[in-house]
Amino acid sequence: MKTPRLFIYAADLMRIYGKSERTCRRLLQTMKEHFGLGKRQNLTYFQLGEFLNLPVDQLFPYIRVFSFVIAWTTP
C-alpha cells in the first residue's frame, strides 16, 4: 500500500487557487513564515486548513492523496 503524504506542495495550491506555480510558491513561503517554520520544514494539510480557515475535509478533493474518511469533526 502506498504511504499517504502529509505535506503540501506548490502543485496542490495550484489546484486549489488556480494560480501559477510561482504565485503558489510565494503563498507557501508566506504560510511557512506565518507558522514559524524553517527552510527545511514542511507545511501540513492541517496547517493549510487553519491558514485558509477551512476544514481539512474540504481541501482533500483538490489534493491528489489517498481516499480516506476523517474520523473526527471540528466544532
PDB file of N, CA and C in Angstrom:
ATOM      1  N   MET A   1       0.836  -1.176   0.000  1.00  0.00           N
ATOM      2  CA  MET A   1       0.000   0.000   0.000  1.00  0.00           C
ATOM      3  C   MET A   1       0.885   1.245   0.000  1.00  0.00           C
ATOM      4  N   LYS A   2       0.501   2.241  -0.770  1.00  0.00           N
ATOM      5  CA  LYS A   2       1.256   3.473  -0.856  1.00  0.00           C
ATOM      6  C   LYS A   2       1.026   4.320   0.396  1.00  0.00           C
ATOM      7  N   THR A   3       2.097   4.846   0.929  1.00  0.00           N
ATOM      8  CA  THR A   3       2.009   5.673   2.120  1.00  0.00           C
ATOM      9  C   THR A   3       1.468   7.053   1.748  1.00  0.00           C
ATOM     10  N   PRO A   4       0.469   7.542   2.454  1.00  0.00           N
ATOM     11  CA  PRO A   4      -0.080   8.869   2.141  1.00  0.00           C
ATOM     12  C   PRO A   4       0.911   9.960   2.549  1.00  0.00           C
ATOM     13  N   ARG A   5       0.920  11.022   1.784  1.00  0.00           N
ATOM     14  CA  ARG A   5       1.792  12.121   2.161  1.00  0.00           C
ATOM     15  C   ARG A   5       1.020  13.098   3.033  1.00  0.00           C
ATOM     16  N   LEU A   6       1.747  13.771   3.891  1.00  0.00           N
ATOM     17  CA  LEU A   6       1.127  14.655   4.867  1.00  0.00           C
ATOM     18  C   LEU A   6       1.386  16.124   4.586  1.00  0.00           C
ATOM     19  N   PHE A   7       2.211  16.413   3.594  1.00  0.00           N
ATOM     20  CA  PHE A   7       2.668  17.781   3.401  1.00  0.00           C
ATOM     21  C   PHE A   7       2.135  18.389   2.112  1.00  0.00           C
ATOM     22  N   ILE A   8       2.064  19.702   2.103  1.00  0.00           N
ATOM     23  CA  ILE A   8       1.547  20.480   0.982  1.00  0.00           C
ATOM     24  C   ILE A   8       2.685  20.852   0.046  1.00  0.00           C
ATOM     25  N   TYR A   9       2.402  20.781  -1.248  1.00  0.00           N
ATOM     26  CA  TYR A   9       3.336  21.232  -2.269  1.00  0.00           C
ATOM     27  C   TYR A   9       2.696  22.360  -3.063  1.00  0.00           C
ATOM     28  N   ALA A  10       3.522  23.077  -3.815  1.00  0.00           N
ATOM     29  CA  ALA A  10       3.017  24.178  -4.635  1.00  0.00           C
ATOM     30  C   ALA A  10       1.987  23.673  -5.647  1.00  0.00           C
ATOM     31  N   ALA A  11       2.162  22.461  -6.152  1.00  0.00           N
ATOM     32  CA  ALA A  11       1.208  21.900  -7.116  1.00  0.00           C
ATOM     33  C   ALA A  11      -0.177  21.732  -6.498  1.00  0.00           C
ATOM     34  N   ASP A  12      -0.247  21.421  -5.220  1.00  0.00           N
ATOM     35  CA  ASP A  12      -1.534  21.310  -4.534  1.00  0.00           C
ATOM     36  C   ASP A  12      -2.215  22.672  -4.467  1.00  0.00           C
ATOM     37  N   LEU A  13      -1.440  23.705  -4.141  1.00  0.00           N
ATOM     38  CA  LEU A  13      -2.001  25.048  -4.081  1.00  0.00           C
ATOM     39  C   LEU A  13      -2.430  25.529  -5.464  1.00  0.00           C
ATOM     40  N   MET A  14      -1.739  25.091  -6.505  1.00  0.00           N
ATOM     41  CA  MET A  14      -2.117  25.459  -7.868  1.00  0.00           C
ATOM     42  C   MET A  14      -3.506  24.925  -8.197  1.00  0.00           C
ATOM     43  N   ARG A  15      -3.820  23.711  -7.740  1.00  0.00           N
ATOM     44  CA  ARG A  15      -5.148  23.141  -7.984  1.00  0.00           C
ATOM     45  C   ARG A  15      -6.220  23.843  -7.148  1.00  0.00           C
ATOM     46  N   ILE A  16      -5.884  24.266  -5.947  1.00  0.00           N
ATOM     47  CA  ILE A  16      -6.853  24.931  -5.080  1.00  0.00           C
ATOM     48  C   ILE A  16      -7.137  26.344  -5.568  1.00  0.00           C
ATOM     49  N   TYR A  17      -6.076  27.090  -5.866  1.00  0.00           N
ATOM     50  CA  TYR A  17      -6.221  28.506  -6.223  1.00  0.00           C
ATOM     51  C   TYR A  17      -6.371  28.754  -7.718  1.00  0.00           C
ATOM     52  N   GLY A  18      -5.836  27.870  -8.547  1.00  0.00           N
ATOM     53  CA  GLY A  18      -5.859  28.106  -9.982  1.00  0.00           C
ATOM     54  C   GLY A  18      -4.867  29.174 -10.401  1.00  0.00           C
ATOM     55  N   LYS A  19      -3.819  29.351  -9.629  1.00  0.00           N
ATOM     56  CA  LYS A  19      -2.792  30.365  -9.904  1.00  0.00           C
ATOM     57  C   LYS A  19      -1.532  29.700 -10.440  1.00  0.00           C
ATOM     58  N   SER A  20      -0.570  30.508 -10.825  1.00  0.00           N
ATOM     59  CA  SER A  20       0.692  29.992 -11.371  1.00  0.00           C
ATOM     60  C   SER A  20       1.534  29.346 -10.272  1.00  0.00           C
ATOM     61  N   GLU A  21       2.530  28.596 -10.700  1.00  0.00           N
ATOM     62  CA  GLU A  21       3.393  27.904  -9.744  1.00  0.00           C
ATOM     63  C   GLU A  21       4.162  28.899  -8.881  1.00  0.00           C
ATOM     64  N   ARG A  22       4.662  29.953  -9.489  1.00  0.00           N
ATOM     65  CA  ARG A  22       5.446  30.943  -8.740  1.00  0.00           C
ATOM     66  C   ARG A  22       4.593  31.633  -7.675  1.00  0.00           C
ATOM     67  N   THR A  23       3.374  31.969  -8.019  1.00  0.00           N
ATOM     68  CA  THR A  23       2.465  32.596  -7.053  1.00  0.00           C
ATOM     69  C   THR A  23       2.198  31.656  -5.887  1.00  0.00           C
ATOM     70  N   CYS A  24       2.021  30.388  -6.186  1.00  0.00           N
ATOM     71  CA  CYS A  24       1.751  29.405  -5.130  1.00  0.00           C
ATOM     72  C   CYS A  24       2.984  29.154  -4.275  1.00  0.00           C
ATOM     73  N   ARG A  25       4.160  29.231  -4.864  1.00  0.00           N
ATOM     74  CA  ARG A  25       5.381  29.108  -4.062  1.00  0.00           C
ATOM     75  C   ARG A  25       5.514  30.275  -3.084  1.00  0.00           C
ATOM     76  N   ARG A  26       5.169  31.474  -3.547  1.00  0.00           N
ATOM     77  CA  ARG A  26       5.189  32.640  -2.651  1.00  0.00           C
ATOM     78  C   ARG A  26       4.178  32.478  -1.521  1.00  0.00           C
ATOM     79  N   LEU A  27       2.995  31.986  -1.856  1.00  0.00           N
ATOM     80  CA  LEU A  27       1.972  31.760  -0.838  1.00  0.00           C
ATOM     81  C   LEU A  27       2.431  30.702   0.163  1.00  0.00           C
ATOM     82  N   LEU A  28       3.063  29.657  -0.327  1.00  0.00           N
ATOM     83  CA  LEU A  28       3.599  28.613   0.549  1.00  0.00           C
ATOM     84  C   LEU A  28       4.638  29.199   1.503  1.00  0.00           C
ATOM     85  N   GLN A  29       5.497  30.067   0.988  1.00  0.00           N
ATOM     86  CA  GLN A  29       6.503  30.717   1.824  1.00  0.00           C
ATOM     87  C   GLN A  29       5.846  31.624   2.867  1.00  0.00           C
ATOM     88  N   THR A  30       4.804  32.333   2.483  1.00  0.00           N
ATOM     89  CA  THR A  30       4.081  33.186   3.423  1.00  0.00           C
ATOM     90  C   THR A  30       3.467  32.363   4.549  1.00  0.00           C
ATOM     91  N   MET A  31       2.903  31.210   4.200  1.00  0.00           N
ATOM     92  CA  MET A  31       2.309  30.339   5.220  1.00  0.00           C
ATOM     93  C   MET A  31       3.377  29.790   6.155  1.00  0.00           C
ATOM     94  N   LYS A  32       4.533  29.417   5.607  1.00  0.00           N
ATOM     95  CA  LYS A  32       5.612  28.901   6.446  1.00  0.00           C
ATOM     96  C   LYS A  32       6.101  29.969   7.419  1.00  0.00           C
ATOM     97  N   GLU A  33       6.192  31.215   6.959  1.00  0.00           N
ATOM     98  CA  GLU A  33       6.589  32.307   7.851  1.00  0.00           C
ATOM     99  C   GLU A  33       5.533  32.545   8.921  1.00  0.00           C
ATOM    100  N   HIS A  34       4.256  32.429   8.541  1.00  0.00           N
ATOM    101  CA  HIS A  34       3.160  32.610   9.497  1.00  0.00           C
ATOM    102  C   HIS A  34       3.249  31.606  10.645  1.00  0.00           C
ATOM    103  N   PHE A  35       3.585  30.368  10.331  1.00  0.00           N
ATOM    104  CA  PHE A  35       3.661  29.315  11.349  1.00  0.00           C
ATOM    105  C   PHE A  35       5.049  29.188  11.961  1.00  0.00           C
ATOM    106  N   GLY A  36       5.991  30.003  11.518  1.00  0.00           N
ATOM    107  CA  GLY A  36       7.332  29.974  12.100  1.00  0.00           C
ATOM    108  C   GLY A  36       8.129  28.741  11.723  1.00  0.00           C
ATOM    109  N   LEU A  37       7.909  28.223  10.531  1.00  0.00           N
ATOM    110  CA  LEU A  37       8.631  27.037  10.089  1.00  0.00           C
ATOM    111  C   LEU A  37       9.946  27.436   9.437  1.00  0.00           C
ATOM    112  N   GLY A  38      10.939  26.573   9.585  1.00  0.00           N
ATOM    113  CA  GLY A  38      12.241  26.832   8.993  1.00  0.00           C
ATOM    114  C   GLY A  38      12.281  26.470   7.521  1.00  0.00           C
ATOM    115  N   LYS A  39      13.459  26.644   6.934  1.00  0.00           N
ATOM    116  CA  LYS A  39      13.627  26.430   5.497  1.00  0.00           C
ATOM    117  C   LYS A  39      13.363  24.973   5.104  1.00  0.00           C
ATOM    118  N   ARG A  40      13.778  24.056   5.917  1.00  0.00           N
ATOM    119  CA  ARG A  40      13.650  22.633   5.592  1.00  0.00           C
ATOM    120  C   ARG A  40      12.405  21.977   6.189  1.00  0.00           C
ATOM    121  N   GLN A  41      11.565  22.743   6.838  1.00  0.00           N
ATOM    122  CA  GLN A  41      10.345  22.194   7.415  1.00  0.00           C
ATOM    123  C   GLN A  41       9.196  22.337   6.426  1.00  0.00           C
ATOM    124  N   ASN A  42       8.270  21.409   6.482  1.00  0.00           N
ATOM    125  CA  ASN A  42       7.158  21.381   5.544  1.00  0.00           C
ATOM    126  C   ASN A  42       5.853  21.782   6.211  1.00  0.00           C
ATOM    127  N   LEU A  43       4.928  22.232   5.380  1.00  0.00           N
ATOM    128  CA  LEU A  43       3.602  22.649   5.823  1.00  0.00           C
ATOM    129  C   LEU A  43       2.650  21.462   5.687  1.00  0.00           C
ATOM    130  N   THR A  44       1.825  21.210   6.701  1.00  0.00           N
ATOM    131  CA  THR A  44       0.891  20.091   6.662  1.00  0.00           C
ATOM    132  C   THR A  44      -0.478  20.548   6.167  1.00  0.00           C
ATOM    133  N   TYR A  45      -1.331  19.587   5.842  1.00  0.00           N
ATOM    134  CA  TYR A  45      -2.697  19.878   5.419  1.00  0.00           C
ATOM    135  C   TYR A  45      -3.479  20.577   6.525  1.00  0.00           C
ATOM    136  N   PHE A  46      -3.200  20.219   7.757  1.00  0.00           N
ATOM    137  CA  PHE A  46      -3.915  20.815   8.875  1.00  0.00           C
ATOM    138  C   PHE A  46      -3.537  22.280   9.050  1.00  0.00           C
ATOM    139  N   GLN A  47      -2.257  22.601   8.845  1.00  0.00           N
ATOM    140  CA  GLN A  47      -1.831  23.994   8.903  1.00  0.00           C
ATOM    141  C   GLN A  47      -2.424  24.793   7.748  1.00  0.00           C
ATOM    142  N   LEU A  48      -2.513  24.185   6.568  1.00  0.00           N
ATOM    143  CA  LEU A  48      -3.130  24.850   5.428  1.00  0.00           C
ATOM    144  C   LEU A  48      -4.595  25.162   5.723  1.00  0.00           C
ATOM    145  N   GLY A  49      -5.303  24.198   6.292  1.00  0.00           N
ATOM    146  CA  GLY A  49      -6.696  24.411   6.647  1.00  0.00           C
ATOM    147  C   GLY A  49      -6.860  25.518   7.678  1.00  0.00           C
ATOM    148  N   GLU A  50      -5.954  25.561   8.635  1.00  0.00           N
ATOM    149  CA  GLU A  50      -6.008  26.610   9.650  1.00  0.00           C
ATOM    150  C   GLU A  50      -5.719  27.977   9.027  1.00  0.00           C
ATOM    151  N   PHE A  51      -4.741  28.044   8.131  1.00  0.00           N
ATOM    152  CA  PHE A  51      -4.380  29.304   7.488  1.00  0.00           C
ATOM    153  C   PHE A  51      -5.511  29.829   6.605  1.00  0.00           C
ATOM    154  N   LEU A  52      -6.158  28.924   5.875  1.00  0.00           N
ATOM    155  CA  LEU A  52      -7.251  29.314   4.981  1.00  0.00           C
ATOM    156  C   LEU A  52      -8.603  29.387   5.682  1.00  0.00           C
ATOM    157  N   ASN A  53      -8.628  28.970   6.950  1.00  0.00           N
ATOM    158  CA  ASN A  53      -9.850  28.933   7.738  1.00  0.00           C
ATOM    159  C   ASN A  53     -10.900  28.032   7.081  1.00  0.00           C
ATOM    160  N   LEU A  54     -10.453  26.856   6.653  1.00  0.00           N
ATOM    161  CA  LEU A  54     -11.315  25.850   6.034  1.00  0.00           C
ATOM    162  C   LEU A  54     -11.125  24.517   6.735  1.00  0.00           C
ATOM    163  N   PRO A  55     -12.175  23.720   6.826  1.00  0.00           N
ATOM    164  CA  PRO A  55     -11.995  22.363   7.350  1.00  0.00           C
ATOM    165  C   PRO A  55     -11.134  21.539   6.392  1.00  0.00           C
ATOM    166  N   VAL A  56     -10.324  20.676   6.936  1.00  0.00           N
ATOM    167  CA  VAL A  56      -9.396  19.878   6.134  1.00  0.00           C
ATOM    168  C   VAL A  56     -10.138  18.999   5.138  1.00  0.00           C
ATOM    169  N   ASP A  57     -11.298  18.481   5.509  1.00  0.00           N
ATOM    170  CA  ASP A  57     -12.014  17.589   4.601  1.00  0.00           C
ATOM    171  C   ASP A  57     -12.497  18.309   3.342  1.00  0.00           C
ATOM    172  N   GLN A  58     -12.598  19.626   3.364  1.00  0.00           N
ATOM    173  CA  GLN A  58     -12.958  20.371   2.152  1.00  0.00           C
ATOM    174  C   GLN A  58     -11.760  20.566   1.229  1.00  0.00           C
ATOM    175  N   LEU A  59     -10.548  20.383   1.736  1.00  0.00           N
ATOM    176  CA  LEU A  59      -9.348  20.527   0.916  1.00  0.00           C
ATOM    177  C   LEU A  59      -9.019  19.266   0.133  1.00  0.00           C
ATOM    178  N   PHE A  60      -9.366  18.109   0.645  1.00  0.00           N
ATOM    179  CA  PHE A  60      -8.946  16.854   0.038  1.00  0.00           C
ATOM    180  C   PHE A  60      -9.436  16.621  -1.390  1.00  0.00           C
ATOM    181  N   PRO A  61     -10.611  17.097  -1.805  1.00  0.00           N
ATOM    182  CA  PRO A  61     -10.987  16.897  -3.212  1.00  0.00           C
ATOM    183  C   PRO A  61     -10.040  17.585  -4.202  1.00  0.00           C
ATOM    184  N   TYR A  62      -9.323  18.613  -3.754  1.00  0.00           N
ATOM    185  CA  TYR A  62      -8.419  19.342  -4.626  1.00  0.00           C
ATOM    186  C   TYR A  62      -6.998  18.800  -4.598  1.00  0.00           C
ATOM    187  N   ILE A  63      -6.725  17.921  -3.668  1.00  0.00           N
ATOM    188  CA  ILE A  63      -5.375  17.418  -3.476  1.00  0.00           C
ATOM    189  C   ILE A  63      -5.351  15.939  -3.818  1.00  0.00           C
ATOM    190  N   ARG A  64      -4.395  15.558  -4.610  1.00  0.00           N
ATOM    191  CA  ARG A  64      -4.294  14.157  -5.035  1.00  0.00           C
ATOM    192  C   ARG A  64      -3.603  13.326  -3.968  1.00  0.00           C
ATOM    193  N   VAL A  65      -4.392  12.837  -3.050  1.00  0.00           N
ATOM    194  CA  VAL A  65      -3.910  11.956  -1.995  1.00  0.00           C
ATOM    195  C   VAL A  65      -4.816  10.739  -1.972  1.00  0.00           C
ATOM    196  N   PHE A  66      -4.625   9.902  -1.037  1.00  0.00           N
ATOM    197  CA  PHE A  66      -5.427   8.710  -0.885  1.00  0.00           C
ATOM    198  C   PHE A  66      -6.835   9.066  -0.438  1.00  0.00           C
ATOM    199  N   SER A  67      -7.744   8.171  -0.632  1.00  0.00           N
ATOM    200  CA  SER A  67      -9.097   8.402  -0.146  1.00  0.00           C
ATOM    201  C   SER A  67      -9.241   7.773   1.241  1.00  0.00           C
ATOM    202  N   PHE A  68      -9.751   8.514   2.157  1.00  0.00           N
ATOM    203  CA  PHE A  68      -9.984   8.014   3.495  1.00  0.00           C
ATOM    204  C   PHE A  68     -11.085   8.837   4.137  1.00  0.00           C
ATOM    205  N   VAL A  69     -11.536   8.379   5.260  1.00  0.00           N
ATOM    206  CA  VAL A  69     -12.605   9.053   5.985  1.00  0.00           C
ATOM    207  C   VAL A  69     -11.999   9.743   7.193  1.00  0.00           C
ATOM    208  N   ILE A  70     -12.344  10.994   7.391  1.00  0.00           N
ATOM    209  CA  ILE A  70     -11.867  11.703   8.578  1.00  0.00           C
ATOM    210  C   ILE A  70     -12.784  11.311   9.724  1.00  0.00           C
ATOM    211  N   ALA A  71     -12.186  10.823  10.800  1.00  0.00           N
ATOM    212  CA  ALA A  71     -12.941  10.224  11.886  1.00  0.00           C
ATOM    213  C   ALA A  71     -13.409  11.239  12.930  1.00  0.00           C
ATOM    214  N   TRP A  72     -13.040  12.486  12.811  1.00  0.00           N
ATOM    215  CA  TRP A  72     -13.455  13.451  13.790  1.00  0.00           C
ATOM    216  C   TRP A  72     -14.107  14.648  13.102  1.00  0.00           C
ATOM    217  N   THR A  73     -14.774  15.425  13.904  1.00  0.00           N
ATOM    218  CA  THR A  73     -15.384  16.640  13.372  1.00  0.00           C
ATOM    219  C   THR A  73     -14.878  17.818  14.174  1.00  0.00           C
ATOM    220  N   THR A  74     -14.858  18.964  13.556  1.00  0.00           N
ATOM    221  CA  THR A  74     -14.452  20.167  14.272  1.00  0.00           C
ATOM    222  C   THR A  74     -15.689  20.962  14.625  1.00  0.00           C
ATOM    223  N   PRO A  75     -15.686  21.555  15.791  1.00  0.00           N
ATOM    224  CA  PRO A  75     -16.868  22.308  16.215  1.00  0.00           C
ATOM    225  C   PRO A  75     -17.057  23.586  15.444  1.00  0.00           C
TER     226      PRO A  75
END
